[in-house]
């Protein structure tokens, strides 16, 4: 049996999907609030995250259909929110360190 990439029963794959979402949403957030120097980097980060997200979603859809995809996108939303908050904190620490240099 093939395990789809969006199967949240496996902890590592959940972390991968969450990391991709953090990359995508973090890229958008930093593009909006960032300085000129940050905008280009955050734009690439957001585009890269979006492409990975589409690839993961396509693989999940292809393997198990739309119902499976909905279950595995809607159900772990709370986990993603936590991951985004943690990612934002890490990003904020990185931003502060960048200012201090």
PDB file of N, CA and C in Angstrom:
ATOM      1  N   UNK A   1       0.845  -1.204   0.000  1.00  0.00           N
ATOM      2  CA  UNK A   1       0.000   0.000   0.000  1.00  0.00           C
ATOM      3  C   UNK A   1       0.877   1.250   0.000  1.00  0.00           C
ATOM      4  N   UNK A   2       0.542   2.181  -0.863  1.00  0.00           N
ATOM      5  CA  UNK A   2       1.303   3.430  -0.950  1.00  0.00           C
ATOM      6  C   UNK A   2       0.729   4.433   0.047  1.00  0.00           C
ATOM      7  N   UNK A   3       1.609   5.039   0.822  1.00  0.00           N
ATOM      8  CA  UNK A   3       1.162   6.052   1.784  1.00  0.00           C
ATOM      9  C   UNK A   3       1.263   7.424   1.124  1.00  0.00           C
ATOM     10  N   UNK A   4       0.141   8.116   0.940  1.00  0.00           N
ATOM     11  CA  UNK A   4       0.180   9.449   0.320  1.00  0.00           C
ATOM     12  C   UNK A   4       0.944  10.448   1.185  1.00  0.00           C
ATOM     13  N   UNK A   5       1.503  11.456   0.540  1.00  0.00           N
ATOM     14  CA  UNK A   5       2.318  12.437   1.254  1.00  0.00           C
ATOM     15  C   UNK A   5       1.508  13.281   2.233  1.00  0.00           C
ATOM     16  N   UNK A   6       0.187  13.361   2.018  1.00  0.00           N
ATOM     17  CA  UNK A   6      -0.627  14.169   2.924  1.00  0.00           C
ATOM     18  C   UNK A   6      -1.258  13.334   4.038  1.00  0.00           C
ATOM     19  N   UNK A   7      -0.736  12.122   4.266  1.00  0.00           N
ATOM     20  CA  UNK A   7      -1.263  11.269   5.327  1.00  0.00           C
ATOM     21  C   UNK A   7      -0.749  11.770   6.673  1.00  0.00           C
ATOM     22  N   UNK A   8      -1.644  12.349   7.475  1.00  0.00           N
ATOM     23  CA  UNK A   8      -1.218  12.943   8.741  1.00  0.00           C
ATOM     24  C   UNK A   8      -1.029  11.908   9.840  1.00  0.00           C
ATOM     25  N   UNK A   9      -1.283  10.628   9.545  1.00  0.00           N
ATOM     26  CA  UNK A   9      -0.996   9.594  10.535  1.00  0.00           C
ATOM     27  C   UNK A   9       0.505   9.459  10.753  1.00  0.00           C
ATOM     28  N   UNK A  10       1.277   9.785   9.742  1.00  0.00           N
ATOM     29  CA  UNK A  10       2.727   9.709   9.883  1.00  0.00           C
ATOM     30  C   UNK A  10       3.254  11.080  10.268  1.00  0.00           C
ATOM     31  N   UNK A  11       3.917  11.124  11.406  1.00  0.00           N
ATOM     32  CA  UNK A  11       4.334  12.380  12.024  1.00  0.00           C
ATOM     33  C   UNK A  11       5.299  13.160  11.133  1.00  0.00           C
ATOM     34  N   UNK A  12       6.254  12.473  10.519  1.00  0.00           N
ATOM     35  CA  UNK A  12       7.275  13.136   9.706  1.00  0.00           C
ATOM     36  C   UNK A  12       6.640  13.846   8.514  1.00  0.00           C
ATOM     37  N   UNK A  13       5.680  13.174   7.865  1.00  0.00           N
ATOM     38  CA  UNK A  13       5.038  13.782   6.700  1.00  0.00           C
ATOM     39  C   UNK A  13       4.186  14.981   7.093  1.00  0.00           C
ATOM     40  N   UNK A  14       3.585  14.930   8.279  1.00  0.00           N
ATOM     41  CA  UNK A  14       2.833  16.080   8.784  1.00  0.00           C
ATOM     42  C   UNK A  14       3.763  17.269   8.972  1.00  0.00           C
ATOM     43  N   UNK A  15       4.937  17.006   9.527  1.00  0.00           N
ATOM     44  CA  UNK A  15       5.917  18.072   9.728  1.00  0.00           C
ATOM     45  C   UNK A  15       6.354  18.654   8.383  1.00  0.00           C
ATOM     46  N   UNK A  16       6.544  17.789   7.389  1.00  0.00           N
ATOM     47  CA  UNK A  16       6.955  18.251   6.057  1.00  0.00           C
ATOM     48  C   UNK A  16       5.900  19.179   5.460  1.00  0.00           C
ATOM     49  N   UNK A  17       4.630  18.744   5.503  1.00  0.00           N
ATOM     50  CA  UNK A  17       3.545  19.563   4.940  1.00  0.00           C
ATOM     51  C   UNK A  17       3.426  20.879   5.699  1.00  0.00           C
ATOM     52  N   UNK A  18       3.524  20.826   7.030  1.00  0.00           N
ATOM     53  CA  UNK A  18       3.448  22.036   7.844  1.00  0.00           C
ATOM     54  C   UNK A  18       4.603  22.974   7.532  1.00  0.00           C
ATOM     55  N   UNK A  19       5.790  22.400   7.369  1.00  0.00           N
ATOM     56  CA  UNK A  19       6.957  23.204   7.024  1.00  0.00           C
ATOM     57  C   UNK A  19       6.779  23.926   5.697  1.00  0.00           C
ATOM     58  N   UNK A  20       6.181  23.229   4.735  1.00  0.00           N
ATOM     59  CA  UNK A  20       5.909  23.828   3.425  1.00  0.00           C
ATOM     60  C   UNK A  20       4.911  24.974   3.568  1.00  0.00           C
ATOM     61  N   UNK A  21       3.866  24.765   4.379  1.00  0.00           N
ATOM     62  CA  UNK A  21       2.876  25.822   4.606  1.00  0.00           C
ATOM     63  C   UNK A  21       3.506  27.027   5.292  1.00  0.00           C
ATOM     64  N   UNK A  22       4.372  26.771   6.281  1.00  0.00           N
ATOM     65  CA  UNK A  22       5.068  27.866   6.962  1.00  0.00           C
ATOM     66  C   UNK A  22       5.920  28.643   5.965  1.00  0.00           C
ATOM     67  N   UNK A  23       6.612  27.914   5.079  1.00  0.00           N
ATOM     68  CA  UNK A  23       7.438  28.539   4.045  1.00  0.00           C
ATOM     69  C   UNK A  23       6.593  29.452   3.159  1.00  0.00           C
ATOM     70  N   UNK A  24       5.440  28.929   2.714  1.00  0.00           N
ATOM     71  CA  UNK A  24       4.550  29.662   1.818  1.00  0.00           C
ATOM     72  C   UNK A  24       3.950  30.887   2.512  1.00  0.00           C
ATOM     73  N   UNK A  25       3.306  30.670   3.670  1.00  0.00           N
ATOM     74  CA  UNK A  25       2.637  31.765   4.377  1.00  0.00           C
ATOM     75  C   UNK A  25       3.648  32.746   4.954  1.00  0.00           C
ATOM     76  N   UNK A  26       4.777  32.225   5.450  1.00  0.00           N
ATOM     77  CA  UNK A  26       5.838  33.091   5.954  1.00  0.00           C
ATOM     78  C   UNK A  26       6.385  33.989   4.855  1.00  0.00           C
ATOM     79  N   UNK A  27       6.521  33.421   3.655  1.00  0.00           N
ATOM     80  CA  UNK A  27       6.980  34.213   2.513  1.00  0.00           C
ATOM     81  C   UNK A  27       6.039  35.359   2.208  1.00  0.00           C
ATOM     82  N   UNK A  28       4.729  35.087   2.239  1.00  0.00           N
ATOM     83  CA  UNK A  28       3.726  36.125   1.984  1.00  0.00           C
ATOM     84  C   UNK A  28       3.774  37.200   3.070  1.00  0.00           C
ATOM     85  N   UNK A  29       3.795  36.751   4.344  1.00  0.00           N
ATOM     86  CA  UNK A  29       3.785  37.693   5.476  1.00  0.00           C
ATOM     87  C   UNK A  29       5.017  38.593   5.427  1.00  0.00           C
ATOM     88  N   UNK A  30       6.201  37.987   5.226  1.00  0.00           N
ATOM     89  CA  UNK A  30       7.424  38.781   5.185  1.00  0.00           C
ATOM     90  C   UNK A  30       7.466  39.699   3.969  1.00  0.00           C
ATOM     91  N   UNK A  31       6.823  39.290   2.863  1.00  0.00           N
ATOM     92  CA  UNK A  31       6.770  40.157   1.686  1.00  0.00           C
ATOM     93  C   UNK A  31       5.955  41.406   1.993  1.00  0.00           C
ATOM     94  N   UNK A  32       4.865  41.227   2.744  1.00  0.00           N
ATOM     95  CA  UNK A  32       3.983  42.355   3.067  1.00  0.00           C
ATOM     96  C   UNK A  32       4.645  43.301   4.064  1.00  0.00           C
ATOM     97  N   UNK A  33       5.258  42.746   5.136  1.00  0.00           N
ATOM     98  CA  UNK A  33       5.789  43.606   6.204  1.00  0.00           C
ATOM     99  C   UNK A  33       7.283  43.864   6.078  1.00  0.00           C
ATOM    100  N   UNK A  34       7.953  43.195   5.122  1.00  0.00           N
ATOM    101  CA  UNK A  34       9.411  43.259   5.046  1.00  0.00           C
ATOM    102  C   UNK A  34       9.940  44.532   4.414  1.00  0.00           C
ATOM    103  N   UNK A  35      11.242  44.725   4.589  1.00  0.00           N
ATOM    104  CA  UNK A  35      11.932  45.842   3.955  1.00  0.00           C
ATOM    105  C   UNK A  35      12.260  45.466   2.509  1.00  0.00           C
ATOM    106  N   UNK A  36      12.826  46.417   1.772  1.00  0.00           N
ATOM    107  CA  UNK A  36      13.148  46.166   0.360  1.00  0.00           C
ATOM    108  C   UNK A  36      14.095  44.982   0.191  1.00  0.00           C
ATOM    109  N   UNK A  37      15.094  44.882   1.051  1.00  0.00           N
ATOM    110  CA  UNK A  37      16.052  43.783   0.963  1.00  0.00           C
ATOM    111  C   UNK A  37      15.419  42.424   1.202  1.00  0.00           C
ATOM    112  N   UNK A  38      14.412  42.402   2.057  1.00  0.00           N
ATOM    113  CA  UNK A  38      13.756  41.140   2.405  1.00  0.00           C
ATOM    114  C   UNK A  38      12.742  40.711   1.350  1.00  0.00           C
ATOM    115  N   UNK A  39      12.170  41.677   0.626  1.00  0.00           N
ATOM    116  CA  UNK A  39      11.050  41.372  -0.274  1.00  0.00           C
ATOM    117  C   UNK A  39      11.417  40.320  -1.319  1.00  0.00           C
ATOM    118  N   UNK A  40      12.600  40.423  -1.917  1.00  0.00           N
ATOM    119  CA  UNK A  40      12.982  39.471  -2.967  1.00  0.00           C
ATOM    120  C   UNK A  40      13.145  38.070  -2.385  1.00  0.00           C
ATOM    121  N   UNK A  41      13.842  37.954  -1.238  1.00  0.00           N
ATOM    122  CA  UNK A  41      14.037  36.650  -0.597  1.00  0.00           C
ATOM    123  C   UNK A  41      12.706  36.035  -0.192  1.00  0.00           C
ATOM    124  N   UNK A  42      11.835  36.833   0.414  1.00  0.00           N
ATOM    125  CA  UNK A  42      10.552  36.317   0.893  1.00  0.00           C
ATOM    126  C   UNK A  42       9.638  35.948  -0.270  1.00  0.00           C
ATOM    127  N   UNK A  43       9.767  36.647  -1.391  1.00  0.00           N
ATOM    128  CA  UNK A  43       8.985  36.307  -2.578  1.00  0.00           C
ATOM    129  C   UNK A  43       9.381  34.925  -3.096  1.00  0.00           C
ATOM    130  N   UNK A  44      10.694  34.666  -3.172  1.00  0.00           N
ATOM    131  CA  UNK A  44      11.169  33.339  -3.588  1.00  0.00           C
ATOM    132  C   UNK A  44      10.713  32.267  -2.607  1.00  0.00           C
ATOM    133  N   UNK A  45      10.768  32.585  -1.305  1.00  0.00           N
ATOM    134  CA  UNK A  45      10.341  31.655  -0.262  1.00  0.00           C
ATOM    135  C   UNK A  45       8.861  31.307  -0.440  1.00  0.00           C
ATOM    136  N   UNK A  46       8.029  32.321  -0.670  1.00  0.00           N
ATOM    137  CA  UNK A  46       6.595  32.110  -0.856  1.00  0.00           C
ATOM    138  C   UNK A  46       6.284  31.307  -2.109  1.00  0.00           C
ATOM    139  N   UNK A  47       6.960  31.633  -3.214  1.00  0.00           N
ATOM    140  CA  UNK A  47       6.733  30.906  -4.472  1.00  0.00           C
ATOM    141  C   UNK A  47       7.166  29.453  -4.332  1.00  0.00           C
ATOM    142  N   UNK A  48       8.334  29.231  -3.720  1.00  0.00           N
ATOM    143  CA  UNK A  48       8.829  27.870  -3.495  1.00  0.00           C
ATOM    144  C   UNK A  48       7.875  27.062  -2.640  1.00  0.00           C
ATOM    145  N   UNK A  49       7.382  27.673  -1.570  1.00  0.00           N
ATOM    146  CA  UNK A  49       6.423  27.004  -0.697  1.00  0.00           C
ATOM    147  C   UNK A  49       5.131  26.676  -1.414  1.00  0.00           C
ATOM    148  N   UNK A  50       4.653  27.610  -2.253  1.00  0.00           N
ATOM    149  CA  UNK A  50       3.413  27.388  -2.998  1.00  0.00           C
ATOM    150  C   UNK A  50       3.557  26.223  -3.972  1.00  0.00           C
ATOM    151  N   UNK A  51       4.688  26.180  -4.685  1.00  0.00           N
ATOM    152  CA  UNK A  51       4.926  25.092  -5.644  1.00  0.00           C
ATOM    153  C   UNK A  51       4.959  23.748  -4.924  1.00  0.00           C
ATOM    154  N   UNK A  52       5.680  23.672  -3.797  1.00  0.00           N
ATOM    155  CA  UNK A  52       5.739  22.428  -3.015  1.00  0.00           C
ATOM    156  C   UNK A  52       4.361  22.025  -2.516  1.00  0.00           C
ATOM    157  N   UNK A  53       3.573  23.027  -2.076  1.00  0.00           N
ATOM    158  CA  UNK A  53       2.224  22.761  -1.572  1.00  0.00           C
ATOM    159  C   UNK A  53       1.344  22.174  -2.672  1.00  0.00           C
ATOM    160  N   UNK A  54       1.426  22.748  -3.879  1.00  0.00           N
ATOM    161  CA  UNK A  54       0.645  22.241  -5.013  1.00  0.00           C
ATOM    162  C   UNK A  54       1.061  20.817  -5.367  1.00  0.00           C
ATOM    163  N   UNK A  55       2.371  20.543  -5.348  1.00  0.00           N
ATOM    164  CA  UNK A  55       2.873  19.199  -5.657  1.00  0.00           C
ATOM    165  C   UNK A  55       2.353  18.190  -4.636  1.00  0.00           C
ATOM    166  N   UNK A  56       2.439  18.541  -3.344  1.00  0.00           N
ATOM    167  CA  UNK A  56       1.951  17.642  -2.290  1.00  0.00           C
ATOM    168  C   UNK A  56       0.450  17.404  -2.422  1.00  0.00           C
ATOM    169  N   UNK A  57      -0.298  18.483  -2.688  1.00  0.00           N
ATOM    170  CA  UNK A  57      -1.752  18.356  -2.832  1.00  0.00           C
ATOM    171  C   UNK A  57      -2.104  17.495  -4.045  1.00  0.00           C
ATOM    172  N   UNK A  58      -1.376  17.683  -5.144  1.00  0.00           N
ATOM    173  CA  UNK A  58      -1.628  16.899  -6.359  1.00  0.00           C
ATOM    174  C   UNK A  58      -1.354  15.418  -6.119  1.00  0.00           C
ATOM    175  N   UNK A  59      -0.261  15.117  -5.410  1.00  0.00           N
ATOM    176  CA  UNK A  59       0.059  13.721  -5.096  1.00  0.00           C
ATOM    177  C   UNK A  59      -1.013  13.100  -4.205  1.00  0.00           C
ATOM    178  N   UNK A  60      -1.446  13.852  -3.185  1.00  0.00           N
ATOM    179  CA  UNK A  60      -2.496  13.356  -2.294  1.00  0.00           C
ATOM    180  C   UNK A  60      -3.799  13.115  -3.043  1.00  0.00           C
ATOM    181  N   UNK A  61      -4.149  14.044  -3.938  1.00  0.00           N
ATOM    182  CA  UNK A  61      -5.377  13.925  -4.728  1.00  0.00           C
ATOM    183  C   UNK A  61      -5.289  12.740  -5.686  1.00  0.00           C
ATOM    184  N   UNK A  62      -4.157  12.622  -6.340  1.00  0.00           N
ATOM    185  CA  UNK A  62      -3.963  11.556  -7.328  1.00  0.00           C
ATOM    186  C   UNK A  62      -4.052  10.183  -6.669  1.00  0.00           C
ATOM    187  N   UNK A  63      -3.484  10.058  -5.466  1.00  0.00           N
ATOM    188  CA  UNK A  63      -3.431   8.754  -4.812  1.00  0.00           C
ATOM    189  C   UNK A  63      -4.753   8.339  -4.186  1.00  0.00           C
ATOM    190  N   UNK A  64      -5.452   9.261  -3.584  1.00  0.00           N
ATOM    191  CA  UNK A  64      -6.626   8.837  -2.806  1.00  0.00           C
ATOM    192  C   UNK A  64      -7.896   9.645  -3.033  1.00  0.00           C
ATOM    193  N   UNK A  65      -7.887  10.590  -3.933  1.00  0.00           N
ATOM    194  CA  UNK A  65      -9.114  11.307  -4.250  1.00  0.00           C
ATOM    195  C   UNK A  65      -9.388  12.498  -3.362  1.00  0.00           C
ATOM    196  N   UNK A  66     -10.418  13.230  -3.739  1.00  0.00           N
ATOM    197  CA  UNK A  66     -10.731  14.516  -3.125  1.00  0.00           C
ATOM    198  C   UNK A  66     -11.168  14.404  -1.670  1.00  0.00           C
ATOM    199  N   UNK A  67     -11.932  13.380  -1.335  1.00  0.00           N
ATOM    200  CA  UNK A  67     -12.410  13.217   0.046  1.00  0.00           C
ATOM    201  C   UNK A  67     -11.230  13.077   0.994  1.00  0.00           C
ATOM    202  N   UNK A  68     -10.259  12.269   0.581  1.00  0.00           N
ATOM    203  CA  UNK A  68      -9.048  12.075   1.391  1.00  0.00           C
ATOM    204  C   UNK A  68      -8.318  13.396   1.578  1.00  0.00           C
ATOM    205  N   UNK A  69      -8.199  14.164   0.491  1.00  0.00           N
ATOM    206  CA  UNK A  69      -7.499  15.448   0.541  1.00  0.00           C
ATOM    207  C   UNK A  69      -8.200  16.414   1.492  1.00  0.00           C
ATOM    208  N   UNK A  70      -9.541  16.479   1.409  1.00  0.00           N
ATOM    209  CA  UNK A  70     -10.303  17.359   2.294  1.00  0.00           C
ATOM    210  C   UNK A  70     -10.091  16.961   3.753  1.00  0.00           C
ATOM    211  N   UNK A  71     -10.187  15.659   4.034  1.00  0.00           N
ATOM    212  CA  UNK A  71      -9.979  15.177   5.403  1.00  0.00           C
ATOM    213  C   UNK A  71      -8.604  15.542   5.928  1.00  0.00           C
ATOM    214  N   UNK A  72      -7.622  15.523   5.063  1.00  0.00           N
ATOM    215  CA  UNK A  72      -6.252  15.760   5.497  1.00  0.00           C
ATOM    216  C   UNK A  72      -5.800  17.202   5.361  1.00  0.00           C
ATOM    217  N   UNK A  73      -6.684  18.067   4.862  1.00  0.00           N
ATOM    218  CA  UNK A  73      -6.377  19.493   4.853  1.00  0.00           C
ATOM    219  C   UNK A  73      -7.164  20.202   5.955  1.00  0.00           C
ATOM    220  N   UNK A  74      -8.450  19.858   6.103  1.00  0.00           N
ATOM    221  CA  UNK A  74      -9.298  20.520   7.088  1.00  0.00           C
ATOM    222  C   UNK A  74      -8.976  20.048   8.511  1.00  0.00           C
ATOM    223  N   UNK A  75      -8.793  18.734   8.676  1.00  0.00           N
ATOM    224  CA  UNK A  75      -8.577  18.168  10.015  1.00  0.00           C
ATOM    225  C   UNK A  75      -7.329  18.722  10.708  1.00  0.00           C
ATOM    226  N   UNK A  76      -6.155  18.758  10.029  1.00  0.00           N
ATOM    227  CA  UNK A  76      -4.962  19.229  10.755  1.00  0.00           C
ATOM    228  C   UNK A  76      -4.730  20.742  10.722  1.00  0.00           C
ATOM    229  N   UNK A  77      -5.785  21.533  10.456  1.00  0.00           N
ATOM    230  CA  UNK A  77      -5.629  22.992  10.391  1.00  0.00           C
ATOM    231  C   UNK A  77      -5.072  23.549  11.704  1.00  0.00           C
ATOM    232  N   UNK A  78      -5.536  23.023  12.834  1.00  0.00           N
ATOM    233  CA  UNK A  78      -5.048  23.479  14.142  1.00  0.00           C
ATOM    234  C   UNK A  78      -3.537  23.260  14.241  1.00  0.00           C
ATOM    235  N   UNK A  79      -3.091  22.079  13.781  1.00  0.00           N
ATOM    236  CA  UNK A  79      -1.658  21.780  13.789  1.00  0.00           C
ATOM    237  C   UNK A  79      -0.898  22.786  12.939  1.00  0.00           C
ATOM    238  N   UNK A  80      -1.451  23.120  11.767  1.00  0.00           N
ATOM    239  CA  UNK A  80      -0.793  24.072  10.875  1.00  0.00           C
ATOM    240  C   UNK A  80      -0.722  25.460  11.506  1.00  0.00           C
ATOM    241  N   UNK A  81      -1.791  25.870  12.187  1.00  0.00           N
ATOM    242  CA  UNK A  81      -1.790  27.178  12.847  1.00  0.00           C
ATOM    243  C   UNK A  81      -0.666  27.235  13.876  1.00  0.00           C
ATOM    244  N   UNK A  82      -0.536  26.163  14.677  1.00  0.00           N
ATOM    245  CA  UNK A  82       0.559  26.093  15.645  1.00  0.00           C
ATOM    246  C   UNK A  82       1.914  26.153  14.943  1.00  0.00           C
ATOM    247  N   UNK A  83       2.041  25.402  13.843  1.00  0.00           N
ATOM    248  CA  UNK A  83       3.303  25.389  13.092  1.00  0.00           C
ATOM    249  C   UNK A  83       3.621  26.773  12.531  1.00  0.00           C
ATOM    250  N   UNK A  84       2.586  27.484  12.061  1.00  0.00           N
ATOM    251  CA  UNK A  84       2.783  28.828  11.511  1.00  0.00           C
ATOM    252  C   UNK A  84       3.221  29.797  12.609  1.00  0.00           C
ATOM    253  N   UNK A  85       2.607  29.685  13.799  1.00  0.00           N
ATOM    254  CA  UNK A  85       2.993  30.539  14.927  1.00  0.00           C
ATOM    255  C   UNK A  85       4.454  30.289  15.299  1.00  0.00           C
ATOM    256  N   UNK A  86       4.832  28.997  15.398  1.00  0.00           N
ATOM    257  CA  UNK A  86       6.219  28.646  15.717  1.00  0.00           C
ATOM    258  C   UNK A  86       7.155  29.163  14.623  1.00  0.00           C
ATOM    259  N   UNK A  87       6.753  28.969  13.353  1.00  0.00           N
ATOM    260  CA  UNK A  87       7.548  29.460  12.230  1.00  0.00           C
ATOM    261  C   UNK A  87       7.697  30.978  12.259  1.00  0.00           C
ATOM    262  N   UNK A  88       6.625  31.680  12.620  1.00  0.00           N
ATOM    263  CA  UNK A  88       6.669  33.142  12.704  1.00  0.00           C
ATOM    264  C   UNK A  88       7.621  33.588  13.811  1.00  0.00           C
ATOM    265  N   UNK A  89       7.609  32.871  14.942  1.00  0.00           N
ATOM    266  CA  UNK A  89       8.531  33.188  16.037  1.00  0.00           C
ATOM    267  C   UNK A  89       9.979  32.987  15.602  1.00  0.00           C
ATOM    268  N   UNK A  90      10.242  31.861  14.919  1.00  0.00           N
ATOM    269  CA  UNK A  90      11.593  31.596  14.412  1.00  0.00           C
ATOM    270  C   UNK A  90      11.995  32.676  13.411  1.00  0.00           C
ATOM    271  N   UNK A  91      11.057  33.043  12.524  1.00  0.00           N
ATOM    272  CA  UNK A  91      11.310  34.103  11.550  1.00  0.00           C
ATOM    273  C   UNK A  91      11.587  35.441  12.219  1.00  0.00           C
ATOM    274  N   UNK A  92      10.842  35.744  13.284  1.00  0.00           N
ATOM    275  CA  UNK A  92      11.030  36.999  14.017  1.00  0.00           C
ATOM    276  C   UNK A  92      12.408  37.041  14.667  1.00  0.00           C
ATOM    277  N   UNK A  93      12.834  35.902  15.234  1.00  0.00           N
ATOM    278  CA  UNK A  93      14.169  35.822  15.840  1.00  0.00           C
ATOM    279  C   UNK A  93      15.236  36.059  14.766  1.00  0.00           C
ATOM    280  N   UNK A  94      15.051  35.414  13.597  1.00  0.00           N
ATOM    281  CA  UNK A  94      15.980  35.609  12.489  1.00  0.00           C
ATOM    282  C   UNK A  94      16.007  37.057  12.016  1.00  0.00           C
ATOM    283  N   UNK A  95      14.843  37.691  11.984  1.00  0.00           N
ATOM    284  CA  UNK A  95      14.738  39.090  11.551  1.00  0.00           C
ATOM    285  C   UNK A  95      15.466  40.010  12.524  1.00  0.00           C
ATOM    286  N   UNK A  96      15.282  39.763  13.829  1.00  0.00           N
ATOM    287  CA  UNK A  96      15.957  40.557  14.867  1.00  0.00           C
ATOM    288  C   UNK A  96      17.475  40.392  14.749  1.00  0.00           C
ATOM    289  N   UNK A  97      17.924  39.142  14.558  1.00  0.00           N
ATOM    290  CA  UNK A  97      19.362  38.888  14.401  1.00  0.00           C
ATOM    291  C   UNK A  97      19.914  39.595  13.166  1.00  0.00           C
ATOM    292  N   UNK A  98      19.097  39.660  12.096  1.00  0.00           N
ATOM    293  CA  UNK A  98      19.525  40.328  10.868  1.00  0.00           C
ATOM    294  C   UNK A  98      19.680  41.834  11.110  1.00  0.00           C
ATOM    295  N   UNK A  99      18.776  42.410  11.914  1.00  0.00           N
ATOM    296  CA  UNK A  99      18.848  43.841  12.230  1.00  0.00           C
ATOM    297  C   UNK A  99      20.092  44.136  13.067  1.00  0.00           C
ATOM    298  N   UNK A 100      20.396  43.233  14.010  1.00  0.00           N
ATOM    299  CA  UNK A 100      21.520  43.447  14.918  1.00  0.00           C
ATOM    300  C   UNK A 100      22.878  43.380  14.220  1.00  0.00           C
ATOM    301  N   UNK A 101      22.941  42.713  13.068  1.00  0.00           N
ATOM    302  CA  UNK A 101      24.238  42.589  12.365  1.00  0.00           C
ATOM    303  C   UNK A 101      24.716  43.933  11.845  1.00  0.00           C
TER     304      UNK A 101
END
